[in-house]
Amino acid sequence: MAHAVSTVDAPKPWSGGDAPFNISWGKMMMWFFLVSDALTFSSLLIYYGATRNMNREFWPNPDEVYNHFPFVEGHIPLAFVSLMTFILIMSSVTMVLAVEAGHRFDKKGVVKWMIWTIIGGFMFLGSQAYEWYHFIHGTAEGKVVEHGLGVIHGANMVENEYGPKQFANLFFLITGFHGSHVFSGVLLNILVLIMAVRGVFHRRGHYEMVEKVGLYWHFVDLVWVFVFTFFYLI
């Protein structure tokens, strides 16, 4: 007796569907964006390294450039930027706690930890503005220009007291590019906070948006570790 042939096709790998990689399209697109953005940051940091290598004899010592600290007289090398880094890392910790609270459908927990993450983001942006202010205005001594043309204080896109003009140009470009990412992340965090407060995620039945914004925030944190290493430590 012949067996009946099933007319139902067996599921095939790579057959598409709503979640072909067992993750939502939203998360997948976020990962695509982060990978492409990582390539952009990598290109900028590689160019920074190559430029520094070509001007290594004239490149300034980070300890002599980034040595100011609010309300403290004298120089404390890298203390303030280390504080900035600590603030950003702690904001990633609070983001992890917000995502974890979302998994437990703990609305109050999500709101609480998102608020702390936003505060950390604003603190980092304020600290970066302070860092830029002192970098632009420079030291009291400044740098004497050759041929008796005067004294340069601080830095701009044309000249600076610290060394080659590429040093200031790349500082403004890379830290500014990263700062724009932090600012965008803070805006996204505020949007997610508002949605959480209004109960949007509870009605949807999931807190995936918190996870997607969390991926972006962790990426911004990770990129800063490389920026911190290239500009301030090496």
Protein backbone atom coordinates (compact mmCIF):
# COMPACT_ATOMS: atom_id res chain seq x y z
CA MET A 1 0.00 0.00 0.00
CA ALA A 2 1.48 3.29 -1.06
CA HIS A 3 2.06 5.85 1.63
CA ALA A 4 0.39 9.22 1.20
CA VAL A 5 2.77 12.01 0.34
CA SER A 6 2.49 15.02 2.57
CA THR A 7 1.68 18.20 0.74
CA VAL A 8 3.05 20.34 3.55
CA ASP A 9 6.58 21.50 2.87
CA ALA A 10 9.05 20.98 5.69
CA PRO A 11 10.59 24.16 7.02
CA LYS A 12 13.83 25.01 5.28
CA PRO A 13 16.79 26.89 6.65
CA TRP A 14 17.15 30.47 5.35
CA SER A 15 13.50 30.44 4.39
CA GLY A 16 12.94 33.92 5.73
CA GLY A 17 10.02 34.79 7.88
CA ASP A 18 9.53 37.21 10.73
CA ALA A 19 12.76 36.26 12.54
CA PRO A 20 15.12 34.19 10.34
CA PHE A 21 17.97 34.50 12.85
CA ASN A 22 15.72 34.04 15.88
CA ILE A 23 15.88 37.78 16.61
CA SER A 24 13.53 40.55 15.60
CA TRP A 25 14.17 42.70 12.57
CA GLY A 26 14.54 45.69 14.85
CA LYS A 27 17.48 44.13 16.68
CA MET A 28 19.02 42.92 13.43
CA MET A 29 18.90 46.38 11.89
CA MET A 30 20.41 47.86 15.04
CA TRP A 31 23.31 45.40 14.79
CA PHE A 32 23.81 46.31 11.11
CA PHE A 33 23.94 49.98 12.05
CA LEU A 34 26.39 49.38 14.91
CA VAL A 35 28.73 47.34 12.71
CA SER A 36 28.78 50.04 10.02
CA ASP A 37 29.29 52.74 12.66
CA ALA A 38 32.13 50.73 14.20
CA LEU A 39 33.86 50.74 10.81
CA THR A 40 33.56 54.53 10.70
CA PHE A 41 35.10 54.97 14.14
CA SER A 42 37.79 52.43 13.29
CA SER A 43 38.74 54.38 10.18
CA LEU A 44 39.01 57.61 12.15
CA LEU A 45 41.16 56.05 14.87
CA ILE A 46 43.41 54.34 12.33
CA TYR A 47 43.91 57.68 10.59
CA TYR A 48 44.67 59.27 13.95
CA GLY A 49 47.29 56.62 14.65
CA ALA A 50 48.90 57.04 11.24
CA THR A 51 48.97 60.84 11.56
CA ARG A 52 50.46 60.64 15.01
CA ASN A 53 53.14 58.24 13.81
CA MET A 54 54.14 60.63 11.02
CA ASN A 55 54.41 63.50 13.53
CA ARG A 56 55.60 61.56 16.57
CA GLU A 57 58.51 63.94 17.21
CA PHE A 58 56.15 66.88 17.63
CA TRP A 59 53.07 65.12 19.05
CA PRO A 60 52.14 66.46 22.51
CA ASN A 61 52.21 64.40 25.68
CA PRO A 62 48.59 63.76 26.84
CA ASP A 63 49.63 64.27 30.48
CA GLU A 64 50.58 67.85 29.64
CA VAL A 65 47.40 68.65 27.70
CA TYR A 66 44.61 66.95 29.66
CA ASN A 67 45.58 67.82 33.21
CA HIS A 68 42.93 70.21 34.53
CA PHE A 69 40.28 69.34 37.11
CA PRO A 70 37.32 71.49 38.26
CA PHE A 71 37.92 73.55 41.41
CA VAL A 72 41.42 72.14 41.84
CA GLU A 73 44.51 74.28 41.42
CA GLY A 74 47.52 72.79 39.72
CA HIS A 75 47.68 69.94 37.29
CA ILE A 76 46.29 66.42 37.76
CA PRO A 77 47.07 64.46 34.59
CA LEU A 78 44.13 62.55 33.10
CA ALA A 79 42.08 62.69 36.31
CA PHE A 80 39.10 64.51 34.81
CA VAL A 81 38.87 62.40 31.66
CA SER A 82 39.14 59.29 33.85
CA LEU A 83 36.14 60.58 35.79
CA MET A 84 34.29 61.09 32.50
CA THR A 85 35.06 57.50 31.53
CA PHE A 86 33.83 56.22 34.89
CA ILE A 87 30.56 58.14 34.50
CA LEU A 88 29.92 56.67 31.06
CA ILE A 89 30.73 53.13 32.21
CA MET A 90 28.36 53.48 35.16
CA SER A 91 25.63 54.67 32.80
CA SER A 92 26.09 51.40 30.90
CA VAL A 93 25.59 49.53 34.19
CA THR A 94 22.31 51.34 34.82
CA MET A 95 21.24 50.56 31.25
CA VAL A 96 21.88 46.86 31.88
CA LEU A 97 19.68 47.10 34.97
CA ALA A 98 16.95 48.82 32.93
CA VAL A 99 17.02 46.02 30.34
CA GLU A 100 16.93 43.39 33.09
CA ALA A 101 13.94 45.11 34.69
CA GLY A 102 12.22 45.07 31.30
CA HIS A 103 12.66 41.31 31.08
CA ARG A 104 10.82 41.04 34.40
CA PHE A 105 8.11 43.49 33.26
CA ASP A 106 9.13 45.75 36.11
CA LYS A 107 7.90 49.09 34.83
CA LYS A 108 9.08 51.05 37.87
CA GLY A 109 12.52 49.49 37.61
CA VAL A 110 12.82 50.40 33.93
CA VAL A 111 11.81 53.99 34.65
CA LYS A 112 14.22 54.30 37.58
CA TRP A 113 17.26 52.92 35.78
CA MET A 114 16.53 54.81 32.56
CA ILE A 115 16.46 58.06 34.55
CA TRP A 116 19.88 57.25 36.01
CA THR A 117 21.19 56.38 32.55
CA ILE A 118 19.97 59.73 31.20
CA ILE A 119 21.57 61.57 34.11
CA GLY A 120 24.86 59.79 33.39
CA GLY A 121 24.63 60.78 29.73
CA PHE A 122 24.06 64.44 30.55
CA MET A 123 26.91 64.38 33.06
CA PHE A 124 29.26 62.99 30.41
CA LEU A 125 28.18 65.62 27.87
CA GLY A 126 28.66 68.39 30.42
CA SER A 127 32.10 67.03 31.26
CA GLN A 128 33.02 66.88 27.60
CA ALA A 129 31.94 70.50 27.17
CA TYR A 130 34.22 71.43 30.08
CA GLU A 131 37.08 69.49 28.47
CA TRP A 132 36.54 71.23 25.14
CA TYR A 133 36.40 74.64 26.83
CA HIS A 134 39.81 74.20 28.42
CA PHE A 135 41.27 72.62 25.31
CA ILE A 136 40.13 75.59 23.20
CA HIS A 137 41.30 78.26 25.65
CA GLY A 138 44.58 76.53 26.47
CA THR A 139 47.12 77.27 29.17
CA ALA A 140 48.07 80.64 30.59
CA GLU A 141 51.54 80.38 29.12
CA GLY A 142 50.48 79.50 25.61
CA LYS A 143 52.98 78.73 22.87
CA VAL A 144 55.31 81.33 21.40
CA VAL A 145 55.03 81.50 17.62
CA GLU A 146 58.22 81.59 15.61
CA HIS A 147 59.36 84.80 13.97
CA GLY A 148 57.89 86.85 16.82
CA LEU A 149 54.32 86.81 15.58
CA GLY A 150 52.82 86.44 19.05
CA VAL A 151 51.58 83.78 21.44
CA ILE A 152 48.99 81.11 20.68
CA HIS A 153 46.59 80.17 23.47
CA GLY A 154 44.56 77.00 23.17
CA ALA A 155 43.49 75.39 19.93
CA ASN A 156 41.27 75.88 16.91
CA MET A 157 41.02 74.30 13.46
CA VAL A 158 43.98 76.32 12.13
CA GLU A 159 46.58 76.49 14.88
CA ASN A 160 47.11 75.36 18.47
CA GLU A 161 49.63 75.68 21.25
CA TYR A 162 49.90 71.93 21.79
CA GLY A 163 51.65 70.84 18.61
CA PRO A 164 50.74 69.92 15.00
CA LYS A 165 47.42 71.31 13.86
CA GLN A 166 46.28 67.78 13.00
CA PHE A 167 46.27 67.04 16.73
CA ALA A 168 43.55 69.60 17.43
CA ASN A 169 41.66 68.83 14.21
CA LEU A 170 41.42 65.14 15.02
CA PHE A 171 40.56 65.83 18.65
CA PHE A 172 37.61 67.98 17.62
CA LEU A 173 36.52 65.56 14.89
CA ILE A 174 36.68 62.27 16.79
CA THR A 175 35.57 63.39 20.24
CA GLY A 176 32.90 65.59 18.66
CA PHE A 177 31.66 62.69 16.52
CA HIS A 178 31.48 60.51 19.62
CA GLY A 179 29.78 63.29 21.58
CA SER A 180 27.09 63.54 18.89
CA HIS A 181 26.46 59.82 19.37
CA VAL A 182 26.13 60.29 23.13
CA PHE A 183 23.71 63.18 22.60
CA SER A 184 21.63 61.09 20.19
CA GLY A 185 21.66 58.25 22.72
CA VAL A 186 20.41 60.55 25.48
CA LEU A 187 17.53 61.68 23.25
CA LEU A 188 16.64 58.06 22.49
CA ASN A 189 16.81 57.21 26.19
CA ILE A 190 14.44 60.09 26.98
CA LEU A 191 12.02 58.84 24.32
CA VAL A 192 12.13 55.31 25.75
CA LEU A 193 11.63 56.69 29.26
CA ILE A 194 8.50 58.57 28.17
CA MET A 195 7.14 55.45 26.47
CA ALA A 196 7.84 53.39 29.59
CA VAL A 197 6.12 55.90 31.86
CA ARG A 198 3.06 55.89 29.59
CA GLY A 199 2.90 52.09 29.68
CA VAL A 200 3.48 51.64 25.94
CA PHE A 201 5.74 48.62 26.40
CA HIS A 202 3.37 46.97 28.86
CA ARG A 203 0.58 47.20 26.30
CA ARG A 204 2.87 45.79 23.61
CA GLY A 205 3.73 42.88 25.84
CA HIS A 206 7.51 43.34 25.63
CA TYR A 207 10.30 45.82 26.40
CA GLU A 208 12.37 45.16 23.29
CA MET A 209 12.81 48.87 22.58
CA VAL A 210 14.77 49.18 25.83
CA GLU A 211 17.07 46.39 24.63
CA LYS A 212 17.64 48.03 21.24
CA VAL A 213 18.45 51.40 22.75
CA GLY A 214 20.63 49.58 25.27
CA LEU A 215 22.67 48.05 22.44
CA TYR A 216 23.32 51.51 21.05
CA TRP A 217 24.27 52.89 24.46
CA HIS A 218 26.72 50.06 25.15
CA PHE A 219 28.26 50.64 21.73
CA VAL A 220 28.79 54.32 22.53
CA ASP A 221 30.42 53.30 25.80
CA LEU A 222 32.71 50.78 24.09
CA VAL A 223 33.78 53.29 21.44
CA TRP A 224 34.73 55.77 24.16
CA VAL A 225 37.09 53.19 25.68
CA PHE A 226 39.02 53.17 22.38
CA VAL A 227 38.90 56.96 22.04
CA PHE A 228 40.10 57.31 25.63
CA THR A 229 42.96 54.89 24.95
CA PHE A 230 44.09 56.54 21.70
CA PHE A 231 43.84 60.18 22.75
CA TYR A 232 44.54 60.16 26.46
CA LEU A 233 46.59 57.10 27.39
CA ILE A 234 48.96 56.41 24.52
